[in-house]
Amino acid sequence: MFTAKWKKDAKLLAKGARKFVNYKRDLLKPDRVEEIESRRADLLKAVKEGDREKSNEASKQLKAICENSLPREKPQGWFEENVEVMFVAIVIALGLRAYYLQPFRIPTGSMQPTLNGIVGTKESKEKWPSFPTRMLQMATKGRNYVKVVSDRDCLISFPGGHFPVMDYQKLHFFTRSRIICRDGSSIELPGPASQMLEIGLRDAFNKAYTNGGMIPAGTVLCEGYLDSGDLVLVDKMSYQFRRPHRGEVFVFDTLGIRGIEEYDREKASAEPGGAHEQAGGTHYIKRLGGVPGDSLSIQTPNLLVNGKVAQEPGFQRVAKGGPPFSKDHHGYVLASPEVGKYQYLTKPTDQLVLSADAPPGLREYAAFGDNTGNSLDSRYWGTVKEFNLVGPALFSLWPFSTGHWGFIH
């Protein structure tokens, strides 16, 4: 506190010289390192003796030797500095993604209106707004206007009915699909197959079905706009330090969940080519309906936990419905016996019991979509094992105009 300023400055210079040697030791010649250390020692000795004049002289010599130790080293230009900053940012982002926070795009509408999935709306190009308006909508709503016209004749197969062979590809935040032609070529589509069907692809397939499978060149395959699903951050650390809480929104992977894998195989046989984007092994986002030891049942509109109506705020919102839920929302409803091979909650008397005595990693949880009338969840495929859990959904990042931006509840 009472140390003279010149002594503080001298000590800081000596400390800086030590860092310089440590950082540049691989580039410095041994005699330069020895000289710098010698000048540092002279400076610290002068400070200890309280000789200000000697300290000033030692400081000048130390600065000079440090500045001239690497005369051939060029200073970084603006390009090198920006590249270095970019790589540091990438490393930090990858570290955060791997251990702390991971972004996920909501693909389906099973969590509406809490979180939005990708929605397709058919609209002719003549009704599209101006280009500046479309750009603004893309930035604020994640809305992307698309029109795809076949650039060649494409003969397609319908091995399972009215749905042809397709393929899809996940590109981190984006999903793309393709129509596979019989000659092995393909027509690229700018979104998931299910949303492409909503904006015209179904009509194109119906015409091709009656035309021997031929899609002529110039056929409008889809025309309209896609509203992006919400981009959420998932907290990957919390479950390392606490147990999952009933009622929170969470993300889990689907590896080893038999009902999901069976459903995916059924869809693949009915709609060959993989039109079902939510395949086994992907990630789902749902509301955590039950924890180990719970017994779950449904008495529409309520979810019952251990025989009592679930009181957590998320469950109550789903049960009560009303705006912003759709008019045909009826709270928690029983599974439809026609969907999937396994159903666990198809009658009011059915119960889904979650094991609490299993070994660590195999304890059981249940998952329910807020949009239960349009959600494949534990009613159909049973429990989620502890090893499947990724973490609670923490924050909705984008789009900004859906009303979902902020912490997820």
Protein backbone atom coordinates (compact mmCIF):
# COMPACT_ATOMS: atom_id res chain seq x y z
CA MET A 1 0.00 0.00 0.00
CA PHE A 2 2.84 2.39 0.92
CA THR A 3 5.36 1.11 -1.65
CA ALA A 4 6.80 3.82 -3.88
CA LYS A 5 5.46 3.87 -7.43
CA TRP A 6 8.87 3.47 -9.02
CA LYS A 7 9.39 0.25 -7.02
CA LYS A 8 5.99 -1.12 -8.15
CA ASP A 9 6.79 -0.30 -11.78
CA ALA A 10 10.19 -1.94 -11.52
CA LYS A 11 8.73 -5.14 -10.01
CA LEU A 12 6.05 -5.29 -12.72
CA LEU A 13 8.76 -4.94 -15.38
CA ALA A 14 10.75 -7.78 -13.82
CA LYS A 15 7.63 -9.94 -13.75
CA GLY A 16 6.89 -9.11 -17.39
CA ALA A 17 10.43 -10.03 -18.40
CA ARG A 18 10.03 -13.43 -16.72
CA LYS A 19 6.79 -14.05 -18.67
CA PHE A 20 8.50 -12.99 -21.88
CA VAL A 21 11.24 -15.57 -21.33
CA ASN A 22 8.72 -18.30 -20.50
CA TYR A 23 6.54 -17.60 -23.54
CA LYS A 24 9.41 -17.18 -26.02
CA ARG A 25 11.98 -19.61 -24.62
CA ASP A 26 11.74 -21.86 -27.70
CA LEU A 27 12.64 -18.88 -29.94
CA LEU A 28 15.32 -17.26 -27.74
CA LYS A 29 18.98 -18.15 -27.94
CA PRO A 30 20.51 -19.40 -24.65
CA ASP A 31 22.84 -16.38 -24.34
CA ARG A 32 19.83 -14.03 -24.69
CA VAL A 33 17.98 -15.87 -21.93
CA GLU A 34 21.01 -15.57 -19.65
CA GLU A 35 21.35 -11.85 -20.40
CA ILE A 36 17.68 -11.16 -19.69
CA GLU A 37 17.88 -13.06 -16.40
CA SER A 38 21.04 -11.10 -15.50
CA ARG A 39 19.33 -7.75 -16.16
CA ARG A 40 16.30 -8.89 -14.14
CA ALA A 41 18.58 -9.72 -11.23
CA ASP A 42 20.23 -6.27 -11.45
CA LEU A 43 16.84 -4.56 -11.44
CA LEU A 44 15.53 -6.50 -8.43
CA LYS A 45 18.79 -5.86 -6.56
CA ALA A 46 18.46 -2.11 -7.18
CA VAL A 47 14.85 -2.18 -5.91
CA LYS A 48 15.89 -4.07 -2.81
CA GLU A 49 18.67 -1.53 -2.11
CA GLY A 50 16.25 1.35 -2.65
CA ASP A 51 18.48 2.92 -5.31
CA ARG A 52 16.04 4.65 -7.69
CA GLU A 53 18.65 5.90 -10.14
CA LYS A 54 20.24 2.48 -10.44
CA SER A 55 16.78 0.95 -10.83
CA ASN A 56 15.91 3.29 -13.71
CA GLU A 57 19.11 2.39 -15.52
CA ALA A 58 18.53 -1.35 -15.00
CA SER A 59 14.96 -0.96 -16.29
CA LYS A 60 16.15 0.69 -19.52
CA GLN A 61 18.68 -2.09 -20.10
CA LEU A 62 16.10 -4.83 -19.40
CA LYS A 63 13.57 -3.29 -21.81
CA ALA A 64 16.22 -2.92 -24.51
CA ILE A 65 17.42 -6.52 -24.27
CA CYS A 66 13.85 -7.87 -24.36
CA GLU A 67 12.88 -5.72 -27.35
CA ASN A 68 15.98 -6.72 -29.32
CA SER A 69 16.03 -10.41 -28.47
CA LEU A 70 13.79 -11.36 -31.41
CA PRO A 71 14.62 -8.77 -34.08
CA ARG A 72 13.44 -10.97 -36.95
CA GLU A 73 10.03 -11.78 -35.51
CA LYS A 74 7.39 -9.89 -37.46
CA PRO A 75 4.50 -8.36 -35.57
CA GLN A 76 1.10 -9.94 -36.27
CA GLY A 77 -0.99 -8.25 -38.95
CA TRP A 78 -4.76 -7.78 -38.76
CA PHE A 79 -5.39 -11.03 -40.64
CA GLU A 80 -3.24 -13.18 -38.36
CA GLU A 81 -4.75 -11.60 -35.26
CA ASN A 82 -8.31 -12.23 -36.46
CA VAL A 83 -7.54 -15.83 -37.42
CA GLU A 84 -6.01 -16.42 -33.99
CA VAL A 85 -9.05 -14.92 -32.24
CA MET A 86 -11.36 -17.03 -34.42
CA PHE A 87 -9.57 -20.27 -33.57
CA VAL A 88 -9.56 -19.45 -29.86
CA ALA A 89 -13.31 -18.77 -30.07
CA ILE A 90 -13.86 -22.09 -31.87
CA VAL A 91 -11.89 -24.01 -29.25
CA ILE A 92 -13.87 -22.36 -26.45
CA ALA A 93 -17.16 -23.06 -28.22
CA LEU A 94 -16.27 -26.72 -28.79
CA GLY A 95 -15.27 -27.07 -25.15
CA LEU A 96 -18.55 -25.55 -23.98
CA ARG A 97 -20.52 -27.78 -26.35
CA ALA A 98 -18.74 -30.94 -25.26
CA TYR A 99 -18.97 -30.43 -21.52
CA TYR A 100 -21.40 -27.66 -20.57
CA LEU A 101 -23.90 -26.32 -23.11
CA GLN A 102 -25.05 -27.89 -26.36
CA PRO A 103 -27.43 -26.36 -28.92
CA PHE A 104 -30.34 -28.39 -30.29
CA ARG A 105 -32.87 -27.55 -32.98
CA ILE A 106 -36.49 -28.56 -32.22
CA PRO A 107 -37.56 -30.68 -35.22
CA THR A 108 -41.22 -31.48 -34.51
CA GLY A 109 -44.28 -29.89 -32.93
CA SER A 110 -44.56 -32.31 -30.01
CA MET A 111 -43.70 -29.59 -27.47
CA GLN A 112 -45.94 -26.83 -28.84
CA PRO A 113 -46.80 -24.26 -27.67
CA THR A 114 -43.91 -24.39 -25.16
CA LEU A 115 -41.40 -24.85 -28.00
CA ASN A 116 -41.92 -24.77 -31.75
CA GLY A 117 -40.82 -27.35 -34.28
CA ILE A 118 -40.33 -26.78 -38.00
CA VAL A 119 -43.60 -25.77 -39.67
CA GLY A 120 -44.26 -25.62 -43.41
CA THR A 121 -46.89 -23.34 -44.96
CA LYS A 122 -47.91 -23.60 -48.61
CA GLU A 123 -48.02 -20.25 -50.42
CA SER A 124 -47.57 -19.34 -54.08
CA LYS A 125 -44.58 -17.21 -54.96
CA GLU A 126 -46.89 -14.44 -56.22
CA LYS A 127 -47.99 -13.84 -52.62
CA TRP A 128 -44.50 -13.72 -51.13
CA PRO A 129 -43.56 -10.39 -49.49
CA SER A 130 -40.76 -8.19 -50.80
CA PHE A 131 -37.14 -9.30 -50.52
CA PRO A 132 -36.28 -6.91 -47.60
CA THR A 133 -39.34 -8.21 -45.70
CA ARG A 134 -38.28 -11.81 -46.31
CA MET A 135 -34.80 -11.05 -45.00
CA LEU A 136 -36.26 -9.44 -41.88
CA GLN A 137 -38.52 -12.46 -41.33
CA MET A 138 -35.56 -14.79 -41.73
CA ALA A 139 -33.62 -12.88 -39.05
CA THR A 140 -36.48 -12.59 -36.55
CA LYS A 141 -38.67 -15.63 -37.24
CA GLY A 142 -36.30 -18.06 -38.91
CA ARG A 143 -38.68 -18.06 -41.88
CA ASN A 144 -37.25 -19.32 -45.14
CA TYR A 145 -39.16 -19.00 -48.43
CA VAL A 146 -38.54 -21.89 -50.83
CA LYS A 147 -39.63 -22.94 -54.29
CA VAL A 148 -38.20 -26.09 -55.82
CA VAL A 149 -38.77 -26.99 -59.46
CA SER A 150 -37.55 -30.28 -60.91
CA ASP A 151 -34.73 -29.51 -63.33
CA ARG A 152 -35.02 -32.86 -65.14
CA ASP A 153 -37.26 -35.87 -65.61
CA CYS A 154 -37.14 -38.11 -62.55
CA LEU A 155 -38.68 -41.57 -62.47
CA ILE A 156 -39.41 -42.61 -58.87
CA SER A 157 -40.52 -45.86 -57.22
CA PHE A 158 -43.41 -46.40 -54.80
CA PRO A 159 -42.48 -49.66 -53.06
CA GLY A 160 -44.72 -49.12 -50.03
CA GLY A 161 -47.78 -47.33 -51.38
CA HIS A 162 -48.07 -43.66 -52.33
CA PHE A 163 -44.74 -42.65 -50.76
CA PRO A 164 -41.56 -42.88 -52.86
CA VAL A 165 -37.98 -43.62 -51.96
CA MET A 166 -36.43 -40.64 -50.11
CA ASP A 167 -33.41 -39.87 -48.03
CA TYR A 168 -32.59 -37.19 -45.51
CA GLN A 169 -29.41 -35.67 -44.08
CA LYS A 170 -28.86 -33.81 -40.84
CA LEU A 171 -26.46 -30.86 -41.11
CA HIS A 172 -26.12 -29.97 -37.42
CA PHE A 173 -28.88 -27.34 -37.11
CA PHE A 174 -30.50 -28.11 -40.46
CA THR A 175 -32.21 -31.13 -42.01
CA ARG A 176 -32.28 -31.66 -45.75
CA SER A 177 -34.08 -34.35 -47.74
CA ARG A 178 -33.75 -35.85 -51.22
CA ILE A 179 -35.99 -37.57 -53.73
CA ILE A 180 -34.17 -40.65 -55.05
CA CYS A 181 -34.68 -41.31 -58.78
CA ARG A 182 -34.51 -44.81 -60.23
CA ASP A 183 -31.32 -43.99 -62.14
CA GLY A 184 -29.54 -43.23 -58.85
CA SER A 185 -29.65 -39.46 -59.18
CA SER A 186 -31.51 -37.31 -56.68
CA ILE A 187 -33.38 -34.03 -56.33
CA GLU A 188 -32.30 -31.99 -53.32
CA LEU A 189 -34.94 -30.41 -51.08
CA PRO A 190 -34.23 -27.56 -48.61
CA GLY A 191 -35.99 -29.08 -45.58
CA PRO A 192 -37.26 -32.25 -43.88
CA ALA A 193 -39.51 -34.53 -45.93
CA SER A 194 -42.54 -34.03 -43.64
CA GLN A 195 -42.44 -30.23 -44.04
CA MET A 196 -41.83 -30.51 -47.80
CA LEU A 197 -45.02 -32.58 -48.03
CA GLU A 198 -46.91 -29.73 -46.34
CA ILE A 199 -45.86 -27.18 -48.97
CA GLY A 200 -46.67 -29.11 -52.13
CA LEU A 201 -44.54 -32.24 -52.34
CA ARG A 202 -47.51 -34.48 -51.51
CA ASP A 203 -49.40 -33.15 -54.55
CA ALA A 204 -46.38 -33.77 -56.75
CA PHE A 205 -46.10 -37.36 -55.48
CA ASN A 206 -49.81 -38.01 -56.06
CA LYS A 207 -49.49 -36.83 -59.68
CA ALA A 208 -46.38 -38.94 -60.18
CA TYR A 209 -48.16 -42.00 -58.74
CA THR A 210 -50.89 -41.72 -61.38
CA ASN A 211 -48.26 -41.02 -64.06
CA GLY A 212 -46.27 -44.22 -63.65
CA GLY A 213 -43.82 -42.65 -61.21
CA MET A 214 -42.63 -39.91 -63.57
CA ILE A 215 -41.90 -36.40 -62.30
CA PRO A 216 -41.44 -34.34 -65.49
CA ALA A 217 -38.88 -31.57 -65.72
CA GLY A 218 -40.41 -28.24 -64.71
CA THR A 219 -42.71 -29.76 -62.06
CA VAL A 220 -43.15 -27.52 -59.00
CA LEU A 221 -42.24 -29.83 -56.12
CA CYS A 222 -42.79 -27.42 -53.25
CA GLU A 223 -43.62 -23.74 -52.88
CA GLY A 224 -44.11 -21.81 -49.66
CA TYR A 225 -42.18 -21.06 -46.50
CA LEU A 226 -40.65 -22.94 -43.57
CA ASP A 227 -40.68 -21.52 -40.04
CA SER A 228 -37.61 -22.72 -38.19
CA GLY A 229 -37.87 -24.80 -35.06
CA ASP A 230 -36.63 -23.20 -31.83
CA LEU A 231 -32.89 -23.37 -31.18
CA VAL A 232 -32.34 -24.28 -27.53
CA LEU A 233 -29.31 -24.59 -25.27
CA VAL A 234 -29.16 -27.77 -23.20
CA ASP A 235 -27.35 -27.81 -19.87
CA LYS A 236 -25.15 -30.93 -19.97
CA MET A 237 -23.66 -30.42 -16.51
CA SER A 238 -26.61 -30.25 -14.12
CA TYR A 239 -27.40 -33.96 -14.10
CA GLN A 240 -23.83 -34.65 -13.01
CA PHE A 241 -24.61 -32.91 -9.70
CA ARG A 242 -28.36 -33.33 -9.16
CA ARG A 243 -31.22 -35.67 -9.95
CA PRO A 244 -33.65 -34.72 -12.76
CA HIS A 245 -36.74 -32.84 -11.55
CA ARG A 246 -40.22 -33.94 -12.47
CA GLY A 247 -41.87 -31.33 -14.72
CA GLU A 248 -38.74 -29.84 -16.32
CA VAL A 249 -38.12 -29.89 -20.07
CA PHE A 250 -35.20 -32.19 -20.89
CA VAL A 251 -33.29 -33.75 -23.78
CA PHE A 252 -32.37 -37.41 -24.11
CA ASP A 253 -30.99 -39.70 -26.79
CA THR A 254 -33.06 -42.63 -28.03
CA LEU A 255 -30.40 -45.35 -28.19
CA GLY A 256 -31.79 -48.65 -26.92
CA ILE A 257 -35.39 -47.47 -26.51
CA ARG A 258 -37.15 -50.44 -28.07
CA GLY A 259 -40.47 -48.78 -28.87
CA ILE A 260 -38.79 -45.96 -30.83
CA GLU A 261 -36.64 -48.37 -32.80
CA GLU A 262 -39.66 -50.56 -33.61
CA TYR A 263 -41.70 -47.54 -34.66
CA ASP A 264 -38.87 -46.39 -36.90
CA ARG A 265 -38.73 -49.79 -38.59
CA GLU A 266 -42.49 -49.73 -39.14
CA LYS A 267 -42.26 -46.27 -40.72
CA ALA A 268 -39.38 -47.40 -42.91
CA SER A 269 -41.40 -50.35 -44.20
CA ALA A 270 -44.49 -48.17 -44.82
CA GLU A 271 -42.54 -45.24 -46.24
CA PRO A 272 -39.32 -46.72 -47.65
CA GLY A 273 -36.25 -44.52 -47.91
CA GLY A 274 -36.21 -43.04 -44.43
CA ALA A 275 -38.85 -40.32 -44.57
CA HIS A 276 -39.17 -40.50 -40.79
CA GLU A 277 -36.63 -37.91 -39.58
CA GLN A 278 -36.93 -38.72 -35.86
CA ALA A 279 -35.18 -42.07 -36.15
CA GLY A 280 -33.84 -44.18 -33.31
CA GLY A 281 -30.48 -42.89 -32.10
CA THR A 282 -31.42 -39.23 -32.49
CA HIS A 283 -32.31 -36.81 -29.68
CA TYR A 284 -35.80 -36.06 -28.36
CA ILE A 285 -36.96 -33.14 -26.25
CA LYS A 286 -39.94 -33.65 -23.92
CA ARG A 287 -41.24 -32.76 -20.48
CA LEU A 288 -39.99 -35.07 -17.73
CA GLY A 289 -43.21 -36.74 -16.61
CA GLY A 290 -41.94 -39.10 -13.96
CA VAL A 291 -38.84 -40.00 -11.94
CA PRO A 292 -37.72 -43.37 -10.53
CA GLY A 293 -40.35 -44.83 -8.20
CA ASP A 294 -43.31 -43.01 -9.80
CA SER A 295 -46.41 -44.74 -11.10
CA LEU A 296 -48.00 -42.81 -13.97
CA SER A 297 -51.46 -42.94 -15.51
CA ILE A 298 -53.69 -40.65 -17.58
CA GLN A 299 -57.24 -39.58 -16.83
CA THR A 300 -57.88 -36.97 -19.50
CA PRO A 301 -57.09 -34.10 -19.22
CA ASN A 302 -54.78 -34.85 -16.28
CA LEU A 303 -51.54 -36.73 -15.82
CA LEU A 304 -51.64 -38.70 -12.57
CA VAL A 305 -48.47 -39.33 -10.58
CA ASN A 306 -48.84 -42.00 -7.89
CA GLY A 307 -52.61 -41.70 -8.18
CA LYS A 308 -52.72 -37.90 -7.75
CA VAL A 309 -53.06 -35.12 -10.31
CA ALA A 310 -49.59 -33.79 -11.20
CA GLN A 311 -49.30 -30.28 -9.75
CA GLU A 312 -46.09 -29.05 -11.38
CA PRO A 313 -46.74 -25.86 -13.41
CA GLY A 314 -45.83 -27.44 -16.75
CA PHE A 315 -48.30 -30.30 -16.27
CA GLN A 316 -51.02 -27.92 -15.15
CA ARG A 317 -50.61 -25.76 -18.27
CA VAL A 318 -51.00 -28.81 -20.49
CA ALA A 319 -54.01 -30.12 -18.56
CA LYS A 320 -55.89 -26.80 -18.51
CA GLY A 321 -55.18 -25.95 -22.17
CA GLY A 322 -56.62 -22.75 -23.59
CA PRO A 323 -54.54 -20.12 -25.43
CA PRO A 324 -51.93 -20.51 -26.79
CA PHE A 325 -52.85 -24.22 -27.15
CA SER A 326 -54.84 -25.20 -30.25
CA LYS A 327 -58.62 -25.58 -30.10
CA ASP A 328 -58.43 -29.37 -30.44
CA HIS A 329 -56.09 -29.70 -27.44
CA HIS A 330 -57.64 -31.81 -24.68
CA GLY A 331 -54.86 -31.93 -22.13
CA TYR A 332 -53.16 -35.29 -21.56
CA VAL A 333 -54.79 -37.94 -23.76
CA LEU A 334 -54.29 -41.70 -23.92
CA ALA A 335 -52.16 -43.35 -26.56
CA SER A 336 -53.83 -44.34 -29.81
CA PRO A 337 -53.75 -48.15 -30.21
CA GLU A 338 -53.18 -47.74 -33.96
CA VAL A 339 -49.81 -46.01 -33.56
CA GLY A 340 -46.69 -48.05 -33.06
CA LYS A 341 -46.19 -51.62 -31.90
CA TYR A 342 -46.01 -50.91 -28.17
CA GLN A 343 -48.50 -48.86 -26.17
CA TYR A 344 -48.19 -48.38 -22.43
CA LEU A 345 -50.99 -45.97 -21.61
CA THR A 346 -54.05 -46.71 -23.79
CA LYS A 347 -56.67 -47.04 -21.02
CA PRO A 348 -57.35 -45.02 -17.84
CA THR A 349 -56.47 -48.11 -15.80
CA ASP A 350 -53.03 -48.53 -17.43
CA GLN A 351 -50.01 -47.60 -15.34
CA LEU A 352 -46.42 -46.92 -16.29
CA VAL A 353 -44.24 -47.87 -13.33
CA LEU A 354 -40.71 -46.44 -13.23
CA SER A 355 -38.10 -48.62 -11.60
CA ALA A 356 -36.20 -47.04 -8.72
CA ASP A 357 -34.21 -50.13 -7.70
CA ALA A 358 -32.25 -50.53 -10.92
CA PRO A 359 -28.45 -50.10 -10.95
CA PRO A 360 -27.08 -46.60 -11.65
CA GLY A 361 -27.56 -45.79 -15.29
CA LEU A 362 -30.63 -47.99 -15.61
CA ARG A 363 -33.01 -46.06 -13.37
CA GLU A 364 -36.13 -45.12 -15.31
CA TYR A 365 -37.80 -41.85 -16.28
CA ALA A 366 -40.85 -40.93 -18.37
CA ALA A 367 -41.20 -38.31 -21.10
CA PHE A 368 -44.36 -36.58 -22.38
CA GLY A 369 -44.85 -33.96 -25.08
CA ASP A 370 -46.88 -30.87 -24.19
CA ASN A 371 -48.72 -31.32 -27.49
CA THR A 372 -49.85 -34.80 -26.44
CA GLY A 373 -52.24 -35.25 -29.35
CA ASN A 374 -49.23 -35.10 -31.70
CA SER A 375 -46.39 -36.56 -29.67
CA LEU A 376 -44.62 -39.90 -29.68
CA ASP A 377 -43.61 -40.26 -26.06
CA SER A 378 -43.61 -42.65 -23.10
CA ARG A 379 -47.26 -43.48 -23.71
CA TYR A 380 -46.06 -45.35 -26.81
CA TRP A 381 -42.55 -46.54 -26.11
CA GLY A 382 -42.20 -46.67 -22.34
CA THR A 383 -39.35 -45.48 -20.18
CA VAL A 384 -36.15 -43.52 -20.70
CA LYS A 385 -33.10 -44.99 -18.99
CA GLU A 386 -30.78 -42.83 -16.93
CA PHE A 387 -27.91 -43.36 -19.36
CA ASN A 388 -30.02 -41.75 -22.12
CA LEU A 389 -30.33 -38.42 -20.32
CA VAL A 390 -28.46 -35.45 -21.82
CA GLY A 391 -29.66 -32.57 -19.65
CA PRO A 392 -32.39 -30.03 -18.96
CA ALA A 393 -33.34 -27.59 -21.72
CA LEU A 394 -32.03 -24.29 -20.39
CA PHE A 395 -32.59 -21.42 -22.82
CA SER A 396 -34.38 -20.76 -26.11
CA LEU A 397 -31.92 -18.77 -28.25
CA TRP A 398 -33.73 -18.18 -31.52
CA PRO A 399 -36.01 -17.20 -33.27
CA PHE A 400 -36.71 -14.04 -31.31
CA SER A 401 -40.31 -13.38 -32.33
CA THR A 402 -42.03 -16.61 -31.23
CA GLY A 403 -42.44 -15.52 -27.63
CA HIS A 404 -40.22 -18.37 -26.46
CA TRP A 405 -36.93 -16.46 -26.20
CA GLY A 406 -35.50 -16.85 -22.71
CA PHE A 407 -35.31 -19.53 -20.04
CA ILE A 408 -37.42 -22.62 -20.68
CA HIS A 409 -40.07 -23.63 -18.12
